[in-house]
Structure formats: structure tokens, C-alpha cells
Amino acid sequence: MKAILQVRLSPIRGLGTLKQGKQRLLRDLSAQDIARACEQNYIDYWRCVGLSPNAEFSERGGVTQCITGLPQEIFNVVMRCSLSTDDIEKRMDSVIGQFRSRRLTMIWHVGMLTEPKDLGRYLEARGYPHDYDLTAMAIDLDGIAEHSGLSAEVTTKTVETGEDCRGWIACLTRSWESPKEVAPWMLENACFNTSLEREKRLSLPRKMFLGILDGAPVSASMLFWSEDIAGLQAVGTIHPGRGKGVGGATAKAALSEARRMGFKLVVVLSTVEGVGMYEKVGFKPFGKLPEHTMDFRKRSGSR
């Protein structure tokens, strides 16, 4: 019998003060450290997604990216670059050409881990404006409270079964207003399907959690970790659960698991809409991750 494959991720690179692994404390880190940690956790999450044959993760030529081919920009991303200014426009056109030729919509992130630091200026000059920011946030786990103030109709659970996975994926795709192609794609990716993970004998560095209201799944979250950091990924709540504390409870379920594992803090890259919920849970903002969205779905591929 084949041994289970343990998927291990590299320690965070270039985070000078982050040398204590999961034991480091929020007070010991700078805002830039937190922003870098948020980006690295995001990259490692996509590296895990890219283990599946239905996603293409690569870190070639100084460019970290993942292409799924799905018709939603959040599933086709450029995350980190190290480009020389000598040929930067040529290199950028080569990267963009991969998405343009497949007529995809995509996001190019320009954050702390990108070189040159003013890469966004080059994108803007080529007709791709800075149009959105994710907020880099973090929380000390020692101070989080257990679930409180929730009605008896609200519960949370760890995703384990195929039925759990389908409910979890349904929550995310509905909350993200994803096109119909996304849910079947997620079911075919072991990062989002525990049954597939077991079938392929993987041991992935993530756990998923469901928030349940009146017996129905309405909220989803994922705890994703490496040797250095734990972060929240793939978080969403559908309309029946919004404003009722279910999203916060589902996030806290992931935080409790991180604390049980020995982590001292958790990071997250939040959308504009999610910042308020995370602040209620106890997260604090530490910076921004600028985004440049590009849509090449029109046949002309025009900018």
C-alpha cells in the first residue's frame, strides 16, 4: 500500500523578523511583515490548488501564477513577480498573453513580494488600472473568544464527508456569485474535496468549516497553513446567513483549530465587504494588496 503523501510547503521567504515559526506573536511583527505573510499564505494556498490536474500553478521566470481557465477573475491570478526593469514590458506582455490567448478574466496582484515595487505603474501605463484592494489583516489567537451570542439554530462543523464538501462548495460559489462551471470544478480539485484527498492519498495543509443555520449550510471557511503561518482562505456566507453571526462563527471555528495546532496568530486577505466581519471577530488591518483586473473574454481581447 502506498504511503499517504504529506504535502509540505516552504517556509516564508524574505520575512526577516519571522523566524519563530508558528510561535511568533503579532506584537513582534511590523505591518509589512503581516502584509508579506498574508501574500505568502495566499500563494501557498494556490500552490495546493495547483496540485490538481484541473489547475496550472507555476513559479517560472520570476512569475508566480495560477490558471484554472474558469470564467471568473478570482480563479486566474498572478501573485508575485520578480522582473527586471530592463525588459519588464516584454515580460509583462508574455505573462498577459497567456491569459489573453485563452480569453480569460484574471487578476494581477501587486504587493510586498513583488519587484519592482512600482510594477503597478507599468500595468497602468499599458491600460490596466489599479481597480481594487484586498486588506491584509491579522489576529492574536490568545485573545479570541469562543462562540457566544449565537442562537441555538447556529452551529459549526468540520468538513469531512462528500456531502459536507458539496454544501461547503455551494456556500462559496453562491456567496461569490460564481458561474455554473465553478462548483463542478471545485469538486474535482482535492483542495476543496476531502473525499478526493483521501482517494489520492494526500495530506493537505488545510481544514474546511461549515456554518449551519436552521439545519442548512450557509457559511464556509478554510484554515490553510504552512510551517510559518496559518491563514483564512475561501471564506463566504450566503444571504440567509448574513447579519446573523454565522460568518463570524465559521471563521472562529477555523481560528480555534489554528490555536489548537499551536499557532499564535492567523492572517487573512479580506475583500472590502468582509473587513467589517473580520473586525468583529478581532482581526486588525495592516496594509493593502492592490489588484489590477483584466478581462480578455471578448474575442478581440481588447484592453
C-alpha atoms as a PDB file:
ATOM      1  CA  MET A   1       0.000   0.000   0.000  1.00  0.00           C
ATOM      2  CA  LYS A   2       1.308   3.450  -0.909  1.00  0.00           C
ATOM      3  CA  ALA A   3       2.075   5.816   1.916  1.00  0.00           C
ATOM      4  CA  ILE A   4      -0.021   8.953   2.261  1.00  0.00           C
ATOM      5  CA  LEU A   5       1.681  11.901   0.570  1.00  0.00           C
ATOM      6  CA  GLN A   6       2.396  14.658   3.074  1.00  0.00           C
ATOM      7  CA  VAL A   7       2.169  17.991   1.289  1.00  0.00           C
ATOM      8  CA  ARG A   8       4.700  20.336   2.848  1.00  0.00           C
ATOM      9  CA  LEU A   9       5.117  23.983   1.941  1.00  0.00           C
ATOM     10  CA  SER A  10       8.269  26.047   2.071  1.00  0.00           C
ATOM     11  CA  PRO A  11       8.892  28.468   4.957  1.00  0.00           C
ATOM     12  CA  ILE A  12       8.035  32.073   4.166  1.00  0.00           C
ATOM     13  CA  ARG A  13      10.820  33.762   2.243  1.00  0.00           C
ATOM     14  CA  GLY A  14      12.071  37.288   2.827  1.00  0.00           C
ATOM     15  CA  LEU A  15      10.299  37.926   6.133  1.00  0.00           C
ATOM     16  CA  GLY A  16      13.306  38.910   8.197  1.00  0.00           C
ATOM     17  CA  THR A  17      11.693  39.012  11.652  1.00  0.00           C
ATOM     18  CA  LEU A  18       9.507  35.950  11.122  1.00  0.00           C
ATOM     19  CA  LYS A  19      11.908  33.356  12.488  1.00  0.00           C
ATOM     20  CA  GLN A  20       9.900  31.709  15.250  1.00  0.00           C
ATOM     21  CA  GLY A  21       7.539  29.728  13.034  1.00  0.00           C
ATOM     22  CA  LYS A  22       4.017  29.306  14.347  1.00  0.00           C
ATOM     23  CA  GLN A  23       5.015  30.638  17.774  1.00  0.00           C
ATOM     24  CA  ARG A  24       5.564  34.256  16.729  1.00  0.00           C
ATOM     25  CA  LEU A  25       3.324  36.953  18.198  1.00  0.00           C
ATOM     26  CA  LEU A  26       1.537  39.803  16.494  1.00  0.00           C
ATOM     27  CA  ARG A  27       3.229  42.422  18.669  1.00  0.00           C
ATOM     28  CA  ASP A  28       6.642  41.326  17.389  1.00  0.00           C
ATOM     29  CA  LEU A  29       5.780  41.933  13.732  1.00  0.00           C
ATOM     30  CA  SER A  30       5.644  45.033  11.577  1.00  0.00           C
ATOM     31  CA  ALA A  31       2.734  45.903   9.299  1.00  0.00           C
ATOM     32  CA  GLN A  32       4.949  44.950   6.352  1.00  0.00           C
ATOM     33  CA  ASP A  33       5.660  41.550   7.933  1.00  0.00           C
ATOM     34  CA  ILE A  34       1.918  40.902   8.208  1.00  0.00           C
ATOM     35  CA  ALA A  35       1.254  42.011   4.636  1.00  0.00           C
ATOM     36  CA  ARG A  36       4.008  39.694   3.370  1.00  0.00           C
ATOM     37  CA  ALA A  37       2.691  36.806   5.466  1.00  0.00           C
ATOM     38  CA  CYS A  38      -0.808  37.328   4.027  1.00  0.00           C
ATOM     39  CA  GLU A  39       0.590  37.195   0.495  1.00  0.00           C
ATOM     40  CA  GLN A  40       2.701  34.106   1.170  1.00  0.00           C
ATOM     41  CA  ASN A  41      -0.221  32.227   2.701  1.00  0.00           C
ATOM     42  CA  TYR A  42      -2.273  33.136  -0.381  1.00  0.00           C
ATOM     43  CA  ILE A  43       0.495  31.842  -2.666  1.00  0.00           C
ATOM     44  CA  ASP A  44       0.805  28.583  -0.735  1.00  0.00           C
ATOM     45  CA  TYR A  45      -2.964  28.125  -0.918  1.00  0.00           C
ATOM     46  CA  TRP A  46      -2.840  28.410  -4.697  1.00  0.00           C
ATOM     47  CA  ARG A  47       0.136  26.054  -4.805  1.00  0.00           C
ATOM     48  CA  CYS A  48      -2.082  23.486  -3.072  1.00  0.00           C
ATOM     49  CA  VAL A  49      -4.931  24.147  -5.515  1.00  0.00           C
ATOM     50  CA  GLY A  50      -2.422  23.622  -8.320  1.00  0.00           C
ATOM     51  CA  LEU A  51      -1.668  20.056  -7.209  1.00  0.00           C
ATOM     52  CA  SER A  52      -4.791  19.058  -9.125  1.00  0.00           C
ATOM     53  CA  PRO A  53      -4.685  18.488 -12.901  1.00  0.00           C
ATOM     54  CA  ASN A  54      -7.529  20.996 -13.355  1.00  0.00           C
ATOM     55  CA  ALA A  55      -5.309  23.937 -12.303  1.00  0.00           C
ATOM     56  CA  GLU A  56      -1.930  25.182 -13.523  1.00  0.00           C
ATOM     57  CA  PHE A  57       0.308  26.630 -10.797  1.00  0.00           C
ATOM     58  CA  SER A  58       3.773  27.796 -11.813  1.00  0.00           C
ATOM     59  CA  GLU A  59       6.701  29.816 -10.448  1.00  0.00           C
ATOM     60  CA  ARG A  60       8.792  30.092 -13.599  1.00  0.00           C
ATOM     61  CA  GLY A  61      10.777  33.044 -14.815  1.00  0.00           C
ATOM     62  CA  GLY A  62      10.186  35.104 -11.706  1.00  0.00           C
ATOM     63  CA  VAL A  63       6.393  34.946 -12.011  1.00  0.00           C
ATOM     64  CA  THR A  64       4.085  33.097  -9.599  1.00  0.00           C
ATOM     65  CA  GLN A  65       0.671  32.429 -11.112  1.00  0.00           C
ATOM     66  CA  CYS A  66      -2.251  30.026 -11.225  1.00  0.00           C
ATOM     67  CA  ILE A  67      -4.568  29.495 -14.188  1.00  0.00           C
ATOM     68  CA  THR A  68      -7.747  27.459 -13.871  1.00  0.00           C
ATOM     69  CA  GLY A  69      -9.485  28.506 -17.066  1.00  0.00           C
ATOM     70  CA  LEU A  70     -12.676  29.319 -15.157  1.00  0.00           C
ATOM     71  CA  PRO A  71     -14.684  32.364 -16.309  1.00  0.00           C
ATOM     72  CA  GLN A  72     -14.246  34.284 -13.029  1.00  0.00           C
ATOM     73  CA  GLU A  73     -11.284  36.565 -12.373  1.00  0.00           C
ATOM     74  CA  ILE A  74     -10.548  35.315  -8.843  1.00  0.00           C
ATOM     75  CA  PHE A  75      -9.609  31.895 -10.267  1.00  0.00           C
ATOM     76  CA  ASN A  76      -6.893  33.152 -12.639  1.00  0.00           C
ATOM     77  CA  VAL A  77      -4.214  35.073 -10.775  1.00  0.00           C
ATOM     78  CA  VAL A  78      -0.706  36.469 -10.931  1.00  0.00           C
ATOM     79  CA  MET A  79       0.509  36.672  -7.331  1.00  0.00           C
ATOM     80  CA  ARG A  80       4.197  37.508  -7.136  1.00  0.00           C
ATOM     81  CA  CYS A  81       6.767  38.744  -9.652  1.00  0.00           C
ATOM     82  CA  SER A  82      10.448  39.495  -9.741  1.00  0.00           C
ATOM     83  CA  LEU A  83      11.019  41.257 -13.055  1.00  0.00           C
ATOM     84  CA  SER A  84      13.999  43.235 -14.326  1.00  0.00           C
ATOM     85  CA  THR A  85      13.202  46.748 -15.483  1.00  0.00           C
ATOM     86  CA  ASP A  86      15.455  46.118 -18.494  1.00  0.00           C
ATOM     87  CA  ASP A  87      12.810  44.001 -20.250  1.00  0.00           C
ATOM     88  CA  ILE A  88       9.803  44.430 -17.980  1.00  0.00           C
ATOM     89  CA  GLU A  89       7.313  45.395 -20.693  1.00  0.00           C
ATOM     90  CA  LYS A  90       8.245  42.375 -22.804  1.00  0.00           C
ATOM     91  CA  ARG A  91       7.971  40.069 -19.782  1.00  0.00           C
ATOM     92  CA  MET A  92       4.627  41.549 -18.762  1.00  0.00           C
ATOM     93  CA  ASP A  93       3.257  41.091 -22.268  1.00  0.00           C
ATOM     94  CA  SER A  94       4.387  37.452 -22.196  1.00  0.00           C
ATOM     95  CA  VAL A  95       2.546  36.832 -18.916  1.00  0.00           C
ATOM     96  CA  ILE A  96      -0.590  38.669 -20.028  1.00  0.00           C
ATOM     97  CA  GLY A  97      -0.513  36.829 -23.344  1.00  0.00           C
ATOM     98  CA  GLN A  98      -1.163  33.501 -21.590  1.00  0.00           C
ATOM     99  CA  PHE A  99      -4.488  34.806 -20.304  1.00  0.00           C
ATOM    100  CA  ARG A 100      -5.332  36.798 -23.432  1.00  0.00           C
ATOM    101  CA  SER A 101      -4.813  33.802 -25.751  1.00  0.00           C
ATOM    102  CA  ARG A 102      -7.280  31.771 -23.660  1.00  0.00           C
ATOM    103  CA  ARG A 103      -9.744  34.695 -23.443  1.00  0.00           C
ATOM    104  CA  LEU A 104      -9.822  34.656 -19.652  1.00  0.00           C
ATOM    105  CA  THR A 105     -10.588  37.212 -16.993  1.00  0.00           C
ATOM    106  CA  MET A 106      -7.834  37.481 -14.370  1.00  0.00           C
ATOM    107  CA  ILE A 107      -6.289  39.456 -11.508  1.00  0.00           C
ATOM    108  CA  TRP A 108      -2.698  40.659 -11.241  1.00  0.00           C
ATOM    109  CA  HIS A 109      -1.769  41.312  -7.601  1.00  0.00           C
ATOM    110  CA  VAL A 110       0.970  43.857  -6.883  1.00  0.00           C
ATOM    111  CA  GLY A 111       2.067  43.550  -3.255  1.00  0.00           C
ATOM    112  CA  MET A 112       5.010  43.465  -0.883  1.00  0.00           C
ATOM    113  CA  LEU A 113       6.531  40.381  -2.508  1.00  0.00           C
ATOM    114  CA  THR A 114       6.625  41.909  -5.999  1.00  0.00           C
ATOM    115  CA  GLU A 115       9.636  43.511  -7.664  1.00  0.00           C
ATOM    116  CA  PRO A 116       9.889  46.190  -8.860  1.00  0.00           C
ATOM    117  CA  LYS A 117       7.744  47.817  -6.202  1.00  0.00           C
ATOM    118  CA  ASP A 118       6.162  50.139  -8.759  1.00  0.00           C
ATOM    119  CA  LEU A 119       5.075  47.334 -11.080  1.00  0.00           C
ATOM    120  CA  GLY A 120       1.530  48.684 -10.849  1.00  0.00           C
ATOM    121  CA  ARG A 121       2.678  51.816 -12.666  1.00  0.00           C
ATOM    122  CA  TYR A 122       3.799  49.699 -15.621  1.00  0.00           C
ATOM    123  CA  LEU A 123       0.446  47.889 -15.678  1.00  0.00           C
ATOM    124  CA  GLU A 124      -1.432  51.193 -15.599  1.00  0.00           C
ATOM    125  CA  ALA A 125       0.680  52.532 -18.458  1.00  0.00           C
ATOM    126  CA  ARG A 126      -0.393  49.532 -20.528  1.00  0.00           C
ATOM    127  CA  GLY A 127      -4.066  50.204 -19.866  1.00  0.00           C
ATOM    128  CA  TYR A 128      -4.731  48.026 -16.796  1.00  0.00           C
ATOM    129  CA  PRO A 129      -5.681  50.353 -13.899  1.00  0.00           C
ATOM    130  CA  HIS A 130      -5.468  49.588 -10.206  1.00  0.00           C
ATOM    131  CA  ASP A 131      -9.131  48.867  -9.506  1.00  0.00           C
ATOM    132  CA  TYR A 132      -9.385  47.071  -6.143  1.00  0.00           C
ATOM    133  CA  ASP A 133      -7.566  46.423  -2.862  1.00  0.00           C
ATOM    134  CA  LEU A 134      -7.607  43.428  -0.564  1.00  0.00           C
ATOM    135  CA  THR A 135      -6.908  44.295   3.089  1.00  0.00           C
ATOM    136  CA  ALA A 136      -4.125  42.426   4.903  1.00  0.00           C
ATOM    137  CA  MET A 137      -5.411  41.565   8.404  1.00  0.00           C
ATOM    138  CA  ALA A 138      -4.244  39.503  11.370  1.00  0.00           C
ATOM    139  CA  ILE A 139      -5.448  38.381  14.794  1.00  0.00           C
ATOM    140  CA  ASP A 140      -3.762  37.215  18.007  1.00  0.00           C
ATOM    141  CA  LEU A 141      -5.271  33.852  18.869  1.00  0.00           C
ATOM    142  CA  ASP A 142      -4.728  34.186  22.616  1.00  0.00           C
ATOM    143  CA  GLY A 143      -7.435  36.814  22.762  1.00  0.00           C
ATOM    144  CA  ILE A 144     -10.201  35.211  20.721  1.00  0.00           C
ATOM    145  CA  ALA A 145     -13.435  34.366  22.466  1.00  0.00           C
ATOM    146  CA  GLU A 146     -15.361  31.179  21.954  1.00  0.00           C
ATOM    147  CA  HIS A 147     -18.702  31.279  20.130  1.00  0.00           C
ATOM    148  CA  SER A 148     -21.091  33.472  22.065  1.00  0.00           C
ATOM    149  CA  GLY A 149     -24.315  35.289  21.452  1.00  0.00           C
ATOM    150  CA  LEU A 150     -25.459  32.801  18.819  1.00  0.00           C
ATOM    151  CA  SER A 151     -28.895  31.250  18.730  1.00  0.00           C
ATOM    152  CA  ALA A 152     -29.437  27.531  19.152  1.00  0.00           C
ATOM    153  CA  GLU A 153     -30.134  27.355  15.414  1.00  0.00           C
ATOM    154  CA  VAL A 154     -26.488  28.260  14.584  1.00  0.00           C
ATOM    155  CA  THR A 155     -23.779  25.594  14.672  1.00  0.00           C
ATOM    156  CA  THR A 156     -20.421  24.955  13.022  1.00  0.00           C
ATOM    157  CA  LYS A 157     -18.743  21.742  11.913  1.00  0.00           C
ATOM    158  CA  THR A 158     -15.546  20.489  10.299  1.00  0.00           C
ATOM    159  CA  VAL A 159     -15.987  19.381   6.691  1.00  0.00           C
ATOM    160  CA  GLU A 160     -15.381  15.640   6.441  1.00  0.00           C
ATOM    161  CA  THR A 161     -17.839  13.894   4.118  1.00  0.00           C
ATOM    162  CA  GLY A 162     -18.680  14.294   0.463  1.00  0.00           C
ATOM    163  CA  GLU A 163     -21.998  15.830   1.443  1.00  0.00           C
ATOM    164  CA  ASP A 164     -20.175  18.335   3.637  1.00  0.00           C
ATOM    165  CA  CYS A 165     -17.928  19.263   0.698  1.00  0.00           C
ATOM    166  CA  ARG A 166     -20.854  19.822  -1.612  1.00  0.00           C
ATOM    167  CA  GLY A 167     -22.523  22.067   0.968  1.00  0.00           C
ATOM    168  CA  TRP A 168     -19.270  23.954   1.558  1.00  0.00           C
ATOM    169  CA  ILE A 169     -18.719  24.491  -2.166  1.00  0.00           C
ATOM    170  CA  ALA A 170     -22.341  25.557  -2.657  1.00  0.00           C
ATOM    171  CA  CYS A 171     -21.947  28.221   0.044  1.00  0.00           C
ATOM    172  CA  LEU A 172     -18.798  29.612  -1.541  1.00  0.00           C
ATOM    173  CA  THR A 173     -19.981  29.637  -5.135  1.00  0.00           C
ATOM    174  CA  ARG A 174     -23.291  31.242  -4.196  1.00  0.00           C
ATOM    175  CA  SER A 175     -21.663  33.858  -1.968  1.00  0.00           C
ATOM    176  CA  TRP A 176     -19.085  34.645  -4.673  1.00  0.00           C
ATOM    177  CA  GLU A 177     -21.812  34.699  -7.359  1.00  0.00           C
ATOM    178  CA  SER A 178     -19.717  32.246  -9.350  1.00  0.00           C
ATOM    179  CA  PRO A 179     -20.715  30.969 -12.798  1.00  0.00           C
ATOM    180  CA  LYS A 180     -22.104  27.447 -13.059  1.00  0.00           C
ATOM    181  CA  GLU A 181     -18.742  25.968 -14.111  1.00  0.00           C
ATOM    182  CA  VAL A 182     -17.082  26.691 -10.761  1.00  0.00           C
ATOM    183  CA  ALA A 183     -18.823  24.212  -8.404  1.00  0.00           C
ATOM    184  CA  PRO A 184     -18.097  21.099 -10.550  1.00  0.00           C
ATOM    185  CA  TRP A 185     -14.507  22.279 -10.982  1.00  0.00           C
ATOM    186  CA  MET A 186     -14.056  22.624  -7.205  1.00  0.00           C
ATOM    187  CA  LEU A 187     -15.454  19.125  -6.649  1.00  0.00           C
ATOM    188  CA  GLU A 188     -12.752  17.789  -8.960  1.00  0.00           C
ATOM    189  CA  ASN A 189      -9.963  19.517  -7.008  1.00  0.00           C
ATOM    190  CA  ALA A 190      -8.649  17.767  -3.875  1.00  0.00           C
ATOM    191  CA  CYS A 191      -8.025  21.105  -2.137  1.00  0.00           C
ATOM    192  CA  PHE A 192     -11.814  21.509  -1.906  1.00  0.00           C
ATOM    193  CA  ASN A 193     -12.889  17.868  -1.750  1.00  0.00           C
ATOM    194  CA  THR A 194     -11.878  15.713   1.224  1.00  0.00           C
ATOM    195  CA  SER A 195     -13.112  12.530  -0.479  1.00  0.00           C
ATOM    196  CA  LEU A 196     -10.797  13.172  -3.422  1.00  0.00           C
ATOM    197  CA  GLU A 197      -7.981  13.981  -0.994  1.00  0.00           C
ATOM    198  CA  ARG A 198      -8.374  10.558   0.636  1.00  0.00           C
ATOM    199  CA  GLU A 199      -8.727   8.813  -2.717  1.00  0.00           C
ATOM    200  CA  LYS A 200      -5.428  10.318  -3.909  1.00  0.00           C
ATOM    201  CA  ARG A 201      -3.813   9.600  -0.531  1.00  0.00           C
ATOM    202  CA  LEU A 202      -2.882  13.217   0.054  1.00  0.00           C
ATOM    203  CA  SER A 203      -2.465  15.006   3.362  1.00  0.00           C
ATOM    204  CA  LEU A 204      -3.214  18.631   2.579  1.00  0.00           C
ATOM    205  CA  PRO A 205      -2.388  21.521   4.967  1.00  0.00           C
ATOM    206  CA  ARG A 206      -5.941  22.779   5.278  1.00  0.00           C
ATOM    207  CA  LYS A 207      -9.218  22.195   7.072  1.00  0.00           C
ATOM    208  CA  MET A 208     -12.632  23.420   5.983  1.00  0.00           C
ATOM    209  CA  PHE A 209     -15.501  24.518   8.190  1.00  0.00           C
ATOM    210  CA  LEU A 210     -19.236  24.918   7.647  1.00  0.00           C
ATOM    211  CA  GLY A 211     -21.608  27.315   9.372  1.00  0.00           C
ATOM    212  CA  ILE A 212     -25.121  25.917   9.666  1.00  0.00           C
ATOM    213  CA  LEU A 213     -28.322  27.891  10.260  1.00  0.00           C
ATOM    214  CA  ASP A 214     -31.604  26.088  10.921  1.00  0.00           C
ATOM    215  CA  GLY A 215     -30.041  22.855   9.696  1.00  0.00           C
ATOM    216  CA  ALA A 216     -28.806  24.241   6.348  1.00  0.00           C
ATOM    217  CA  PRO A 217     -25.206  25.184   5.408  1.00  0.00           C
ATOM    218  CA  VAL A 218     -24.917  28.940   4.872  1.00  0.00           C
ATOM    219  CA  SER A 219     -21.259  29.783   5.566  1.00  0.00           C
ATOM    220  CA  ALA A 220     -17.838  28.382   4.683  1.00  0.00           C
ATOM    221  CA  SER A 221     -14.232  28.964   5.698  1.00  0.00           C
ATOM    222  CA  MET A 222     -10.876  27.284   5.216  1.00  0.00           C
ATOM    223  CA  LEU A 223      -7.863  27.266   7.526  1.00  0.00           C
ATOM    224  CA  PHE A 224      -4.691  26.919   5.454  1.00  0.00           C
ATOM    225  CA  TRP A 225      -1.230  26.622   6.999  1.00  0.00           C
ATOM    226  CA  SER A 226       2.467  26.195   6.262  1.00  0.00           C
ATOM    227  CA  GLU A 227       5.405  25.797   8.643  1.00  0.00           C
ATOM    228  CA  ASP A 228       5.324  29.535   9.292  1.00  0.00           C
ATOM    229  CA  ILE A 229       1.813  30.860   9.200  1.00  0.00           C
ATOM    230  CA  ALA A 230      -1.856  29.978   9.330  1.00  0.00           C
ATOM    231  CA  GLY A 231      -4.366  31.920   7.288  1.00  0.00           C
ATOM    232  CA  LEU A 232      -8.023  32.013   6.336  1.00  0.00           C
ATOM    233  CA  GLN A 233      -8.815  31.291   2.691  1.00  0.00           C
ATOM    234  CA  ALA A 234     -12.025  30.643   0.761  1.00  0.00           C
ATOM    235  CA  VAL A 235     -14.471  32.368   3.106  1.00  0.00           C
ATOM    236  CA  GLY A 236     -18.066  33.173   2.225  1.00  0.00           C
ATOM    237  CA  THR A 237     -21.615  33.414   3.584  1.00  0.00           C
ATOM    238  CA  ILE A 238     -24.808  33.278   1.547  1.00  0.00           C
ATOM    239  CA  HIS A 239     -27.639  35.773   2.096  1.00  0.00           C
ATOM    240  CA  PRO A 240     -29.784  33.704   4.522  1.00  0.00           C
ATOM    241  CA  GLY A 241     -26.846  33.646   6.954  1.00  0.00           C
ATOM    242  CA  ARG A 242     -25.652  37.224   6.664  1.00  0.00           C
ATOM    243  CA  GLY A 243     -26.053  39.558   9.602  1.00  0.00           C
ATOM    244  CA  LYS A 244     -26.732  36.659  11.979  1.00  0.00           C
ATOM    245  CA  GLY A 245     -23.197  35.943  13.202  1.00  0.00           C
ATOM    246  CA  VAL A 246     -22.803  32.742  11.208  1.00  0.00           C
ATOM    247  CA  GLY A 247     -19.865  34.013   9.133  1.00  0.00           C
ATOM    248  CA  GLY A 248     -18.025  35.096  12.264  1.00  0.00           C
ATOM    249  CA  ALA A 249     -18.755  31.772  13.969  1.00  0.00           C
ATOM    250  CA  THR A 250     -17.394  29.849  10.978  1.00  0.00           C
ATOM    251  CA  ALA A 251     -14.246  31.974  10.960  1.00  0.00           C
ATOM    252  CA  LYS A 252     -13.849  31.402  14.713  1.00  0.00           C
ATOM    253  CA  ALA A 253     -14.096  27.641  14.204  1.00  0.00           C
ATOM    254  CA  ALA A 254     -11.031  27.900  11.950  1.00  0.00           C
ATOM    255  CA  LEU A 255      -9.249  30.156  14.458  1.00  0.00           C
ATOM    256  CA  SER A 256      -9.894  27.706  17.285  1.00  0.00           C
ATOM    257  CA  GLU A 257      -8.342  24.931  15.191  1.00  0.00           C
ATOM    258  CA  ALA A 258      -5.281  27.092  14.484  1.00  0.00           C
ATOM    259  CA  ARG A 259      -4.860  27.749  18.205  1.00  0.00           C
ATOM    260  CA  ARG A 260      -5.206  24.027  18.930  1.00  0.00           C
ATOM    261  CA  MET A 261      -2.414  23.399  16.412  1.00  0.00           C
ATOM    262  CA  GLY A 262      -0.125  25.789  18.284  1.00  0.00           C
ATOM    263  CA  PHE A 263      -0.289  28.879  16.094  1.00  0.00           C
ATOM    264  CA  LYS A 264      -0.236  32.227  17.869  1.00  0.00           C
ATOM    265  CA  LEU A 265      -1.795  34.308  15.084  1.00  0.00           C
ATOM    266  CA  VAL A 266      -3.797  33.960  11.876  1.00  0.00           C
ATOM    267  CA  VAL A 267      -3.793  36.191   8.811  1.00  0.00           C
ATOM    268  CA  VAL A 268      -6.355  36.876   6.096  1.00  0.00           C
ATOM    269  CA  LEU A 269      -6.647  38.919   2.905  1.00  0.00           C
ATOM    270  CA  SER A 270     -10.109  40.436   3.138  1.00  0.00           C
ATOM    271  CA  THR A 271     -12.377  41.844   0.489  1.00  0.00           C
ATOM    272  CA  VAL A 272     -13.870  45.276   1.114  1.00  0.00           C
ATOM    273  CA  GLU A 273     -17.157  43.593   2.044  1.00  0.00           C
ATOM    274  CA  GLY A 274     -15.512  41.250   4.549  1.00  0.00           C
ATOM    275  CA  VAL A 275     -13.487  43.750   6.600  1.00  0.00           C
ATOM    276  CA  GLY A 276     -16.351  44.550   8.991  1.00  0.00           C
ATOM    277  CA  MET A 277     -16.979  40.883   9.801  1.00  0.00           C
ATOM    278  CA  TYR A 278     -13.290  40.226  10.451  1.00  0.00           C
ATOM    279  CA  GLU A 279     -13.011  43.282  12.681  1.00  0.00           C
ATOM    280  CA  LYS A 280     -15.934  41.999  14.763  1.00  0.00           C
ATOM    281  CA  VAL A 281     -14.093  38.710  15.200  1.00  0.00           C
ATOM    282  CA  GLY A 282     -10.960  40.586  16.338  1.00  0.00           C
ATOM    283  CA  PHE A 283      -8.789  40.993  13.232  1.00  0.00           C
ATOM    284  CA  LYS A 284      -6.862  44.227  12.711  1.00  0.00           C
ATOM    285  CA  PRO A 285      -5.858  45.768   9.334  1.00  0.00           C
ATOM    286  CA  PHE A 286      -2.168  46.087   8.452  1.00  0.00           C
ATOM    287  CA  GLY A 287      -1.990  47.027   4.789  1.00  0.00           C
ATOM    288  CA  LYS A 288      -3.338  46.609   1.280  1.00  0.00           C
ATOM    289  CA  LEU A 289      -2.786  44.216  -1.621  1.00  0.00           C
ATOM    290  CA  PRO A 290      -3.523  46.176  -4.824  1.00  0.00           C
ATOM    291  CA  GLU A 291      -5.193  44.391  -7.728  1.00  0.00           C
ATOM    292  CA  HIS A 292      -5.338  45.032 -11.457  1.00  0.00           C
ATOM    293  CA  THR A 293      -8.216  43.187 -13.143  1.00  0.00           C
ATOM    294  CA  MET A 294      -8.040  42.236 -16.811  1.00  0.00           C
ATOM    295  CA  ASP A 295     -10.835  40.746 -18.908  1.00  0.00           C
ATOM    296  CA  PHE A 296      -9.947  39.091 -22.206  1.00  0.00           C
ATOM    297  CA  ARG A 297     -13.201  37.202 -22.667  1.00  0.00           C
ATOM    298  CA  LYS A 298     -14.184  39.323 -25.673  1.00  0.00           C
ATOM    299  CA  ARG A 299     -12.965  37.783 -28.914  1.00  0.00           C
ATOM    300  CA  SER A 300     -10.962  40.885 -29.754  1.00  0.00           C
ATOM    301  CA  GLY A 301      -9.009  40.629 -26.465  1.00  0.00           C
ATOM    302  CA  SER A 302      -9.085  44.412 -26.231  1.00  0.00           C
ATOM    303  CA  ARG A 303      -7.825  46.188 -23.145  1.00  0.00           C
END
